[in-house]
PDB file of N, CA and C in Angstrom:
ATOM      1  N   MET A   1       1.454 -35.465  98.187  1.00  0.00           N
ATOM      2  CA  MET A   1       1.469 -36.632  98.586  1.00  0.00           C
ATOM      3  C   MET A   1       0.245 -37.153  98.882  1.00  0.00           C
ATOM      4  N   ALA A   2       0.355 -38.205  98.220  1.00  0.00           N
ATOM      5  CA  ALA A   2      -1.686 -38.830  98.533  1.00  0.00           C
ATOM      6  C   ALA A   2      -1.355 -39.514  99.819  1.00  0.00           C
ATOM      7  N   ARG A   3      -2.774 -39.438 100.435  1.00  0.00           N
ATOM      8  CA  ARG A   3      -3.046 -39.736 101.548  1.00  0.00           C
ATOM      9  C   ARG A   3      -4.126 -40.854 101.840  1.00  0.00           C
ATOM     10  N   LEU A   4      -4.215 -41.994 102.206  1.00  0.00           N
ATOM     11  CA  LEU A   4      -5.240 -42.863 102.465  1.00  0.00           C
ATOM     12  C   LEU A   4      -5.761 -42.543 104.068  1.00  0.00           C
ATOM     13  N   PHE A   5      -7.390 -42.323 104.220  1.00  0.00           N
ATOM     14  CA  PHE A   5      -7.669 -42.323 105.765  1.00  0.00           C
ATOM     15  C   PHE A   5      -8.337 -43.575 105.762  1.00  0.00           C
ATOM     16  N   LEU A   6      -7.899 -44.436 106.739  1.00  0.00           N
ATOM     17  CA  LEU A   6      -8.848 -45.579 106.973  1.00  0.00           C
ATOM     18  C   LEU A   6      -9.793 -45.567 108.368  1.00  0.00           C
ATOM     19  N   ARG A   7     -10.966 -46.363 107.983  1.00  0.00           N
ATOM     20  CA  ARG A   7     -12.071 -46.372 108.955  1.00  0.00           C
ATOM     21  C   ARG A   7     -11.955 -47.862 109.680  1.00  0.00           C
ATOM     22  N   LEU A   8     -11.605 -48.066 111.198  1.00  0.00           N
ATOM     23  CA  LEU A   8     -11.216 -49.488 111.074  1.00  0.00           C
ATOM     24  C   LEU A   8     -12.259 -49.913 112.420  1.00  0.00           C
ATOM     25  N   GLU A   9     -12.670 -50.777 112.527  1.00  0.00           N
ATOM     26  CA  GLU A   9     -13.555 -51.260 113.561  1.00  0.00           C
ATOM     27  C   GLU A   9     -12.974 -52.760 114.021  1.00  0.00           C
ATOM     28  N   SER A  10     -13.031 -52.652 115.372  1.00  0.00           N
ATOM     29  CA  SER A  10     -12.297 -54.123 116.106  1.00  0.00           C
ATOM     30  C   SER A  10     -13.266 -54.943 116.697  1.00  0.00           C
ATOM     31  N   THR A  11     -13.149 -56.096 116.240  1.00  0.00           N
ATOM     32  CA  THR A  11     -13.866 -57.459 116.598  1.00  0.00           C
ATOM     33  C   THR A  11     -14.136 -57.462 118.244  1.00  0.00           C
ATOM     34  N   ARG A  12     -13.114 -57.185 119.170  1.00  0.00           N
ATOM     35  CA  ARG A  12     -13.512 -57.189 120.266  1.00  0.00           C
ATOM     36  C   ARG A  12     -14.257 -56.238 120.818  1.00  0.00           C
ATOM     37  N   ASP A  13     -14.509 -54.766 120.833  1.00  0.00           N
ATOM     38  CA  ASP A  13     -15.007 -54.267 121.605  1.00  0.00           C
ATOM     39  C   ASP A  13     -15.937 -52.685 120.690  1.00  0.00           C
ATOM     40  N   HIS A  14     -15.594 -53.311 119.141  1.00  0.00           N
ATOM     41  CA  HIS A  14     -15.982 -52.720 118.286  1.00  0.00           C
ATOM     42  C   HIS A  14     -15.551 -50.716 118.040  1.00  0.00           C
ATOM     43  N   GLN A  15     -14.635 -50.740 118.469  1.00  0.00           N
ATOM     44  CA  GLN A  15     -13.893 -49.511 118.585  1.00  0.00           C
ATOM     45  C   GLN A  15     -13.952 -48.854 117.140  1.00  0.00           C
ATOM     46  N   ILE A  16     -14.276 -47.891 117.082  1.00  0.00           N
ATOM     47  CA  ILE A  16     -13.630 -47.063 115.796  1.00  0.00           C
ATOM     48  C   ILE A  16     -12.519 -46.655 115.753  1.00  0.00           C
ATOM     49  N   LEU A  17     -11.492 -46.675 115.006  1.00  0.00           N
ATOM     50  CA  LEU A  17     -10.137 -46.446 114.637  1.00  0.00           C
ATOM     51  C   LEU A  17     -10.341 -45.668 113.517  1.00  0.00           C
ATOM     52  N   ILE A  18     -10.118 -44.358 113.350  1.00  0.00           N
ATOM     53  CA  ILE A  18      -9.828 -43.722 112.548  1.00  0.00           C
ATOM     54  C   ILE A  18      -8.122 -43.400 112.264  1.00  0.00           C
ATOM     55  N   GLU A  19      -7.553 -43.444 111.089  1.00  0.00           N
ATOM     56  CA  GLU A  19      -6.010 -42.992 110.885  1.00  0.00           C
ATOM     57  C   GLU A  19      -5.803 -42.434 109.416  1.00  0.00           C
ATOM     58  N   GLU A  20      -5.159 -41.779 109.638  1.00  0.00           N
ATOM     59  CA  GLU A  20      -4.417 -41.273 108.450  1.00  0.00           C
ATOM     60  C   GLU A  20      -3.241 -42.040 107.972  1.00  0.00           C
ATOM     61  N   PHE A  21      -2.915 -42.224 106.794  1.00  0.00           N
ATOM     62  CA  PHE A  21      -2.132 -43.195 106.246  1.00  0.00           C
ATOM     63  C   PHE A  21      -1.601 -42.526 105.223  1.00  0.00           C
ATOM     64  N   GLU A  22      -0.169 -42.195 105.208  1.00  0.00           N
ATOM     65  CA  GLU A  22       0.801 -41.616 103.851  1.00  0.00           C
ATOM     66  C   GLU A  22       1.376 -42.797 103.546  1.00  0.00           C
ATOM     67  N   PRO A  23       1.317 -43.275 102.241  1.00  0.00           N
ATOM     68  CA  PRO A  23       2.083 -44.523 101.793  1.00  0.00           C
ATOM     69  C   PRO A  23       3.263 -43.827 101.518  1.00  0.00           C
ATOM     70  N   GLU A  24       4.726 -45.042 101.587  1.00  0.00           N
ATOM     71  CA  GLU A  24       6.092 -44.597 101.299  1.00  0.00           C
ATOM     72  C   GLU A  24       5.991 -44.026  99.744  1.00  0.00           C
ATOM     73  N   ASP A  25       5.465 -44.459  98.718  1.00  0.00           N
ATOM     74  CA  ASP A  25       5.614 -44.569  97.513  1.00  0.00           C
ATOM     75  C   ASP A  25       4.183 -44.321  96.835  1.00  0.00           C
ATOM     76  N   THR A  26       4.159 -43.155  96.007  1.00  0.00           N
ATOM     77  CA  THR A  26       2.861 -43.058  95.132  1.00  0.00           C
ATOM     78  C   THR A  26       3.685 -42.838  93.827  1.00  0.00           C
ATOM     79  N   TYR A  27       2.857 -42.576  92.807  1.00  0.00           N
ATOM     80  CA  TYR A  27       3.028 -42.572  91.398  1.00  0.00           C
ATOM     81  C   TYR A  27       2.089 -42.219  90.558  1.00  0.00           C
ATOM     82  N   MET A  28       1.523 -40.784  90.466  1.00  0.00           N
ATOM     83  CA  MET A  28       1.056 -40.179  89.918  1.00  0.00           C
ATOM     84  C   MET A  28      -1.214 -40.321  90.468  1.00  0.00           C
ATOM     85  N   GLY A  29      -0.878 -40.622  91.680  1.00  0.00           N
ATOM     86  CA  GLY A  29      -1.933 -40.478  92.753  1.00  0.00           C
ATOM     87  C   GLY A  29      -2.288 -42.328  92.812  1.00  0.00           C
ATOM     88  N   TYR A  30      -1.555 -42.774  92.259  1.00  0.00           N
ATOM     89  CA  TYR A  30      -1.439 -44.277  92.671  1.00  0.00           C
ATOM     90  C   TYR A  30      -0.839 -44.863  93.921  1.00  0.00           C
ATOM     91  N   LEU A  31      -1.556 -45.607  94.676  1.00  0.00           N
ATOM     92  CA  LEU A  31      -0.892 -46.328  95.752  1.00  0.00           C
ATOM     93  C   LEU A  31      -0.297 -47.659  95.297  1.00  0.00           C
ATOM     94  N   LYS A  32       0.857 -47.793  95.633  1.00  0.00           N
ATOM     95  CA  LYS A  32       1.047 -49.180  96.211  1.00  0.00           C
ATOM     96  C   LYS A  32       0.430 -49.968  96.893  1.00  0.00           C
ATOM     97  N   LEU A  33      -0.408 -51.092  96.244  1.00  0.00           N
ATOM     98  CA  LEU A  33      -1.509 -52.132  97.330  1.00  0.00           C
ATOM     99  C   LEU A  33      -0.620 -52.622  98.815  1.00  0.00           C
ATOM    100  N   SER A  34       0.312 -52.879  98.003  1.00  0.00           N
ATOM    101  CA  SER A  34       1.345 -53.827  99.357  1.00  0.00           C
ATOM    102  C   SER A  34       1.849 -52.856 100.469  1.00  0.00           C
ATOM    103  N   ASP A  35       1.773 -51.270  99.893  1.00  0.00           N
ATOM    104  CA  ASP A  35       2.050 -50.577 101.521  1.00  0.00           C
ATOM    105  C   ASP A  35       0.215 -50.762 101.973  1.00  0.00           C
ATOM    106  N   VAL A  36      -0.647 -50.508 101.483  1.00  0.00           N
ATOM    107  CA  VAL A  36      -1.735 -50.597 102.463  1.00  0.00           C
ATOM    108  C   VAL A  36      -1.964 -51.838 102.924  1.00  0.00           C
ATOM    109  N   ILE A  37      -1.677 -53.004 102.478  1.00  0.00           N
ATOM    110  CA  ILE A  37      -1.563 -54.338 103.222  1.00  0.00           C
ATOM    111  C   ILE A  37      -0.820 -54.576 104.122  1.00  0.00           C
ATOM    112  N   ARG A  38       0.438 -53.796 104.473  1.00  0.00           N
ATOM    113  CA  ARG A  38       1.126 -54.012 105.446  1.00  0.00           C
ATOM    114  C   ARG A  38       0.588 -53.303 106.223  1.00  0.00           C
ATOM    115  N   HIS A  39       0.357 -52.138 105.858  1.00  0.00           N
ATOM    116  CA  HIS A  39      -0.163 -51.388 107.259  1.00  0.00           C
ATOM    117  C   HIS A  39      -1.491 -51.527 108.009  1.00  0.00           C
ATOM    118  N   LEU A  40      -2.406 -52.166 107.010  1.00  0.00           N
ATOM    119  CA  LEU A  40      -3.477 -53.387 107.646  1.00  0.00           C
ATOM    120  C   LEU A  40      -3.162 -54.219 108.557  1.00  0.00           C
ATOM    121  N   GLN A  41      -2.117 -54.933 108.048  1.00  0.00           N
ATOM    122  CA  GLN A  41      -1.856 -56.053 108.651  1.00  0.00           C
ATOM    123  C   GLN A  41      -1.189 -55.412 110.121  1.00  0.00           C
ATOM    124  N   ALA A  42      -0.356 -54.525 110.083  1.00  0.00           N
ATOM    125  CA  ALA A  42       0.424 -54.247 111.520  1.00  0.00           C
ATOM    126  C   ALA A  42      -0.919 -53.741 112.379  1.00  0.00           C
ATOM    127  N   ALA A  43      -1.723 -53.035 111.727  1.00  0.00           N
ATOM    128  CA  ALA A  43      -2.924 -52.575 112.698  1.00  0.00           C
ATOM    129  C   ALA A  43      -3.582 -53.466 113.292  1.00  0.00           C
ATOM    130  N   ASN A  44      -3.821 -54.775 112.327  1.00  0.00           N
ATOM    131  CA  ASN A  44      -4.836 -55.659 112.664  1.00  0.00           C
ATOM    132  C   ASN A  44      -3.940 -56.907 114.112  1.00  0.00           C
ATOM    133  N   LYS A  45      -2.622 -56.631 113.875  1.00  0.00           N
ATOM    134  CA  LYS A  45      -2.032 -57.530 115.088  1.00  0.00           C
ATOM    135  C   LYS A  45      -2.517 -56.607 116.686  1.00  0.00           C
ATOM    136  N   SER A  46      -2.293 -55.327 116.815  1.00  0.00           N
ATOM    137  CA  SER A  46      -2.850 -54.954 117.981  1.00  0.00           C
ATOM    138  C   SER A  46      -4.518 -55.142 118.217  1.00  0.00           C
ATOM    139  N   ASN A  47      -5.127 -55.226 117.549  1.00  0.00           N
ATOM    140  CA  ASN A  47      -6.378 -55.147 117.759  1.00  0.00           C
ATOM    141  C   ASN A  47      -7.203 -55.852 116.746  1.00  0.00           C
ATOM    142  N   PRO A  48      -7.686 -56.854 116.435  1.00  0.00           N
ATOM    143  CA  PRO A  48      -8.463 -57.481 115.158  1.00  0.00           C
ATOM    144  C   PRO A  48      -9.442 -56.518 114.583  1.00  0.00           C
ATOM    145  N   ILE A  49      -9.307 -56.546 113.843  1.00  0.00           N
ATOM    146  CA  ILE A  49     -10.200 -55.616 112.627  1.00  0.00           C
ATOM    147  C   ILE A  49     -11.247 -56.317 112.257  1.00  0.00           C
ATOM    148  N   GLU A  50     -12.741 -56.047 112.319  1.00  0.00           N
ATOM    149  CA  GLU A  50     -13.707 -56.704 111.804  1.00  0.00           C
ATOM    150  C   GLU A  50     -14.191 -56.156 110.370  1.00  0.00           C
ATOM    151  N   ARG A  51     -13.809 -54.847 110.572  1.00  0.00           N
ATOM    152  CA  ARG A  51     -14.544 -53.916 109.112  1.00  0.00           C
ATOM    153  C   ARG A  51     -13.900 -52.990 109.290  1.00  0.00           C
ATOM    154  N   TRP A  52     -13.623 -52.585 107.609  1.00  0.00           N
ATOM    155  CA  TRP A  52     -12.677 -51.534 107.318  1.00  0.00           C
ATOM    156  C   TRP A  52     -13.076 -50.595 105.852  1.00  0.00           C
ATOM    157  N   THR A  53     -13.494 -49.326 106.523  1.00  0.00           N
ATOM    158  CA  THR A  53     -13.739 -48.472 104.886  1.00  0.00           C
ATOM    159  C   THR A  53     -12.178 -47.517 104.712  1.00  0.00           C
ATOM    160  N   TRP A  54     -12.535 -47.097 103.280  1.00  0.00           N
ATOM    161  CA  TRP A  54     -11.074 -46.277 103.234  1.00  0.00           C
ATOM    162  C   TRP A  54     -11.575 -44.937 102.318  1.00  0.00           C
ATOM    163  N   ARG A  55     -11.039 -43.925 102.460  1.00  0.00           N
ATOM    164  CA  ARG A  55     -11.388 -42.868 101.608  1.00  0.00           C
ATOM    165  C   ARG A  55      -9.705 -42.353 101.133  1.00  0.00           C
ATOM    166  N   PHE A  56      -9.584 -41.905  99.726  1.00  0.00           N
ATOM    167  CA  PHE A  56      -8.381 -41.361  99.111  1.00  0.00           C
ATOM    168  C   PHE A  56      -8.414 -40.366  98.759  1.00  0.00           C
ATOM    169  N   ASP A  57      -7.180 -39.349  99.292  1.00  0.00           N
ATOM    170  CA  ASP A  57      -7.578 -37.798  98.685  1.00  0.00           C
ATOM    171  C   ASP A  57      -5.809 -37.524  98.393  1.00  0.00           C
ATOM    172  N   TYR A  58      -5.895 -36.763  97.357  1.00  0.00           N
ATOM    173  CA  TYR A  58      -4.656 -36.819  96.736  1.00  0.00           C
ATOM    174  C   TYR A  58      -4.534 -35.448  96.582  1.00  0.00           C
TER     175      TYR A  58
END
């Protein structure tokens, strides 16, 4: 299963949130971009995100 590591920085307190995210569906190492976008939107509701970086491992 593929894993995506997100490094999120909040706009309020510049707190760094590092989270491991396993998407619901992968095919030959490809992520569904819609899964990643949904995950970022959910995280952004609780603490607005200013910057984010990611690393993909499979």
